[in-house]
Structures are given as C-alpha cells and as structure tokens.
N, C-alpha and C. Protein backbone atom coordinates (compact mmCIF):
# COMPACT_ATOMS: atom_id res chain seq x y z
N MET A 1 20.75 49.45 138.28
CA MET A 1 20.10 50.30 137.31
C MET A 1 19.37 51.42 138.02
N PHE A 2 19.49 52.58 137.46
CA PHE A 2 18.84 53.77 138.04
C PHE A 2 17.46 53.92 137.44
N GLY A 3 16.45 53.80 138.27
CA GLY A 3 15.08 53.90 137.80
C GLY A 3 14.32 54.92 138.60
N ILE A 4 13.01 54.95 138.35
CA ILE A 4 12.15 55.93 139.04
C ILE A 4 12.14 55.68 140.55
N PHE A 5 12.18 54.42 140.96
CA PHE A 5 12.17 54.13 142.40
C PHE A 5 13.46 54.58 143.08
N SER A 6 14.56 54.45 142.38
CA SER A 6 15.83 54.94 142.92
C SER A 6 15.78 56.45 143.08
N PHE A 7 15.25 57.13 142.08
CA PHE A 7 15.13 58.59 142.13
C PHE A 7 14.23 59.03 143.27
N ILE A 8 13.11 58.36 143.42
CA ILE A 8 12.19 58.71 144.52
C ILE A 8 12.86 58.44 145.87
N SER A 9 13.62 57.36 145.96
CA SER A 9 14.35 57.06 147.20
C SER A 9 15.36 58.14 147.51
N TRP A 10 16.09 58.61 146.49
CA TRP A 10 17.05 59.72 146.69
C TRP A 10 16.33 60.94 147.22
N LEU A 11 15.16 61.25 146.66
CA LEU A 11 14.42 62.45 147.11
C LEU A 11 13.97 62.30 148.57
N ILE A 12 13.44 61.14 148.91
CA ILE A 12 12.93 60.92 150.26
C ILE A 12 14.09 60.94 151.27
N ILE A 13 15.15 60.22 150.98
CA ILE A 13 16.30 60.18 151.89
C ILE A 13 16.96 61.54 151.95
N GLY A 14 17.06 62.24 150.84
CA GLY A 14 17.62 63.59 150.84
C GLY A 14 16.80 64.55 151.70
N ALA A 15 15.46 64.42 151.62
CA ALA A 15 14.61 65.26 152.43
C ALA A 15 14.80 64.97 153.90
N ILE A 16 14.91 63.69 154.26
CA ILE A 16 15.09 63.33 155.65
C ILE A 16 16.43 63.86 156.17
N ILE A 17 17.50 63.66 155.39
CA ILE A 17 18.83 64.12 155.80
C ILE A 17 18.85 65.63 155.90
N GLY A 18 18.26 66.33 154.94
CA GLY A 18 18.20 67.79 154.98
C GLY A 18 17.42 68.30 156.16
N TRP A 19 16.32 67.60 156.49
CA TRP A 19 15.52 68.00 157.65
C TRP A 19 16.30 67.82 158.94
N VAL A 20 16.97 66.66 159.07
CA VAL A 20 17.78 66.40 160.28
C VAL A 20 18.91 67.44 160.38
N ALA A 21 19.55 67.74 159.27
CA ALA A 21 20.62 68.74 159.30
C ALA A 21 20.08 70.11 159.70
N GLY A 22 18.87 70.45 159.23
CA GLY A 22 18.24 71.70 159.62
C GLY A 22 17.94 71.75 161.11
N LYS A 23 17.63 70.59 161.69
CA LYS A 23 17.38 70.53 163.15
C LYS A 23 18.69 70.59 163.93
N VAL A 24 19.73 70.01 163.39
CA VAL A 24 21.06 70.05 164.06
C VAL A 24 21.58 71.47 164.03
N TRP A 25 21.55 72.09 162.88
CA TRP A 25 22.01 73.47 162.72
C TRP A 25 20.76 74.32 162.73
N VAL A 26 20.23 74.60 163.91
CA VAL A 26 18.90 75.19 164.13
C VAL A 26 18.70 76.48 163.36
N GLY A 27 17.55 76.58 162.72
CA GLY A 27 17.16 77.81 162.03
C GLY A 27 17.78 78.01 160.67
N HIS A 28 18.41 76.97 160.12
CA HIS A 28 19.08 77.14 158.83
C HIS A 28 18.52 76.23 157.75
N GLY A 29 17.26 75.78 157.89
CA GLY A 29 16.64 74.99 156.86
C GLY A 29 16.25 75.85 155.68
N PHE A 30 15.99 75.21 154.55
CA PHE A 30 15.65 75.95 153.31
C PHE A 30 14.31 75.52 152.73
N GLY A 31 13.42 74.97 153.53
CA GLY A 31 12.15 74.48 153.01
C GLY A 31 12.30 73.09 152.41
N LEU A 32 11.22 72.52 151.91
CA LEU A 32 11.24 71.13 151.45
C LEU A 32 12.20 70.92 150.30
N ILE A 33 12.09 71.70 149.23
CA ILE A 33 12.97 71.50 148.06
C ILE A 33 14.41 71.81 148.44
N GLY A 34 14.64 72.86 149.18
CA GLY A 34 15.98 73.24 149.59
C GLY A 34 16.60 72.14 150.47
N ASN A 35 15.78 71.56 151.39
CA ASN A 35 16.30 70.50 152.25
C ASN A 35 16.64 69.24 151.46
N ILE A 36 15.86 68.95 150.41
CA ILE A 36 16.17 67.80 149.58
C ILE A 36 17.52 68.01 148.89
N VAL A 37 17.70 69.21 148.34
CA VAL A 37 18.97 69.52 147.66
C VAL A 37 20.13 69.48 148.65
N VAL A 38 19.92 70.10 149.82
CA VAL A 38 20.98 70.10 150.84
C VAL A 38 21.27 68.67 151.28
N GLY A 39 20.25 67.85 151.43
CA GLY A 39 20.47 66.46 151.85
C GLY A 39 21.24 65.64 150.83
N ILE A 40 20.87 65.78 149.55
CA ILE A 40 21.56 65.01 148.50
C ILE A 40 22.99 65.50 148.31
N VAL A 41 23.16 66.80 148.19
CA VAL A 41 24.50 67.35 147.99
C VAL A 41 25.34 67.15 149.25
N GLY A 42 24.70 67.32 150.41
CA GLY A 42 25.43 67.09 151.66
C GLY A 42 25.87 65.64 151.81
N SER A 43 25.09 64.71 151.29
CA SER A 43 25.50 63.31 151.34
C SER A 43 26.74 63.08 150.51
N ILE A 44 26.80 63.72 149.37
CA ILE A 44 27.99 63.60 148.51
C ILE A 44 29.20 64.23 149.22
N ILE A 45 29.01 65.41 149.79
CA ILE A 45 30.11 66.08 150.52
C ILE A 45 30.55 65.24 151.71
N GLY A 46 29.56 64.72 152.45
CA GLY A 46 29.88 63.91 153.64
C GLY A 46 30.63 62.65 153.27
N GLY A 47 30.23 62.02 152.17
CA GLY A 47 30.96 60.82 151.74
C GLY A 47 32.39 61.13 151.37
N ALA A 48 32.61 62.29 150.74
CA ALA A 48 33.96 62.68 150.35
C ALA A 48 34.82 63.07 151.57
N LEU A 49 34.20 63.82 152.50
CA LEU A 49 34.98 64.32 153.66
C LEU A 49 35.13 63.29 154.78
N PHE A 50 34.04 62.59 155.08
CA PHE A 50 34.03 61.74 156.27
C PHE A 50 33.90 60.26 155.97
N GLY A 51 33.77 59.89 154.70
CA GLY A 51 33.56 58.50 154.34
C GLY A 51 34.69 57.56 154.79
N GLY A 52 35.90 58.03 154.74
CA GLY A 52 37.03 57.22 155.15
C GLY A 52 37.01 56.93 156.64
N LEU A 53 36.46 57.86 157.43
CA LEU A 53 36.43 57.69 158.87
C LEU A 53 35.27 56.83 159.35
N LEU A 54 34.08 57.10 158.81
CA LEU A 54 32.85 56.45 159.32
C LEU A 54 32.25 55.44 158.36
N GLY A 55 32.74 55.38 157.15
CA GLY A 55 32.14 54.48 156.17
C GLY A 55 31.01 55.14 155.42
N THR A 56 30.55 54.49 154.37
CA THR A 56 29.49 55.07 153.57
C THR A 56 28.27 54.17 153.46
N SER A 57 28.16 53.18 154.33
CA SER A 57 26.99 52.32 154.32
C SER A 57 26.51 52.15 155.75
N GLY A 58 25.26 51.76 155.88
CA GLY A 58 24.68 51.56 157.21
C GLY A 58 24.58 52.85 158.00
N ILE A 59 24.74 52.74 159.30
CA ILE A 59 24.62 53.92 160.17
C ILE A 59 25.75 54.91 159.89
N GLY A 60 26.91 54.43 159.53
CA GLY A 60 28.02 55.33 159.19
C GLY A 60 27.68 56.19 157.99
N GLY A 61 26.95 55.61 157.04
CA GLY A 61 26.51 56.37 155.86
C GLY A 61 25.53 57.47 156.23
N TRP A 62 24.61 57.18 157.13
CA TRP A 62 23.67 58.21 157.58
C TRP A 62 24.41 59.33 158.31
N ILE A 63 25.35 58.95 159.17
CA ILE A 63 26.10 59.97 159.93
C ILE A 63 26.92 60.82 159.00
N THR A 64 27.61 60.21 158.02
CA THR A 64 28.40 61.01 157.08
C THR A 64 27.53 61.92 156.25
N SER A 65 26.34 61.43 155.87
CA SER A 65 25.41 62.25 155.08
C SER A 65 24.93 63.46 155.87
N ILE A 66 24.58 63.23 157.12
CA ILE A 66 24.09 64.31 157.97
C ILE A 66 25.22 65.33 158.24
N LEU A 67 26.43 64.83 158.53
CA LEU A 67 27.56 65.73 158.75
C LEU A 67 27.84 66.57 157.49
N GLY A 68 27.79 65.93 156.33
CA GLY A 68 27.99 66.67 155.08
C GLY A 68 26.91 67.71 154.84
N ALA A 69 25.66 67.38 155.18
CA ALA A 69 24.58 68.34 155.01
C ALA A 69 24.72 69.51 155.99
N VAL A 70 25.17 69.22 157.21
CA VAL A 70 25.41 70.31 158.19
C VAL A 70 26.53 71.21 157.68
N VAL A 71 27.61 70.62 157.16
CA VAL A 71 28.70 71.42 156.60
C VAL A 71 28.18 72.29 155.47
N LEU A 72 27.34 71.73 154.62
CA LEU A 72 26.76 72.52 153.52
C LEU A 72 25.87 73.63 154.05
N LEU A 73 25.08 73.37 155.09
CA LEU A 73 24.25 74.43 155.68
C LEU A 73 25.10 75.54 156.29
N ILE A 74 26.22 75.19 156.92
CA ILE A 74 27.11 76.19 157.49
C ILE A 74 27.66 77.07 156.38
N ILE A 75 28.13 76.45 155.33
CA ILE A 75 28.67 77.20 154.19
C ILE A 75 27.60 78.08 153.56
N ALA A 76 26.42 77.53 153.36
CA ALA A 76 25.31 78.31 152.75
C ALA A 76 24.90 79.44 153.68
N GLY A 77 24.95 79.22 154.99
CA GLY A 77 24.61 80.29 155.93
C GLY A 77 25.57 81.46 155.83
N PHE A 78 26.85 81.17 155.66
CA PHE A 78 27.83 82.25 155.51
C PHE A 78 27.65 82.99 154.18
N ILE A 79 27.34 82.26 153.13
CA ILE A 79 27.13 82.89 151.84
C ILE A 79 25.84 83.71 151.83
N LYS A 80 24.81 83.23 152.51
CA LYS A 80 23.51 83.90 152.56
C LYS A 80 23.57 85.25 153.25
N LYS A 81 24.51 85.37 154.24
CA LYS A 81 24.62 86.63 155.00
C LYS A 81 25.28 87.64 154.19
C-alpha cells in the first residue's frame, strides 16, 4: 500500500540519488527540489535502461538509479544549453 511513509521515502531516496548524480556529473545539479525530481525520474529511467543488467533491488538498484539520474542530467544539460 502506498502511504505517506512511502511517499516520504521516495522523496528522501530521490534526493540522495539526485545529489549523488549531481556529484558524479559535476556542476549539473538542480537544487533540492530539482535533485529529488531527477533522482525519482532517473530511477525510473535507470530501471528501464539498466535493470536487466544490474537488477533493480539492493546495490544493483542503487547503481541503476544513479546511472539513470546521470543520464537524465546529461540530457537535461544538453536541453538547458
């Protein structure tokens, strides 16, 4: 069941993933709210692109989420220019 704690967890994990992706792709963070959005959307992208290779749970899930967020930051960086 999706509740308030699940939503808060999504926000916290999204923020962490967005922050890590901003550190990996240096200088391309979007602030707290932007990093949360990048982290959550990047996790979805990462699961779709890399989930078959690395899995979507445990450490593989974190890696796919971060890779997806980095891909999203790269795309957003090109669009921003």
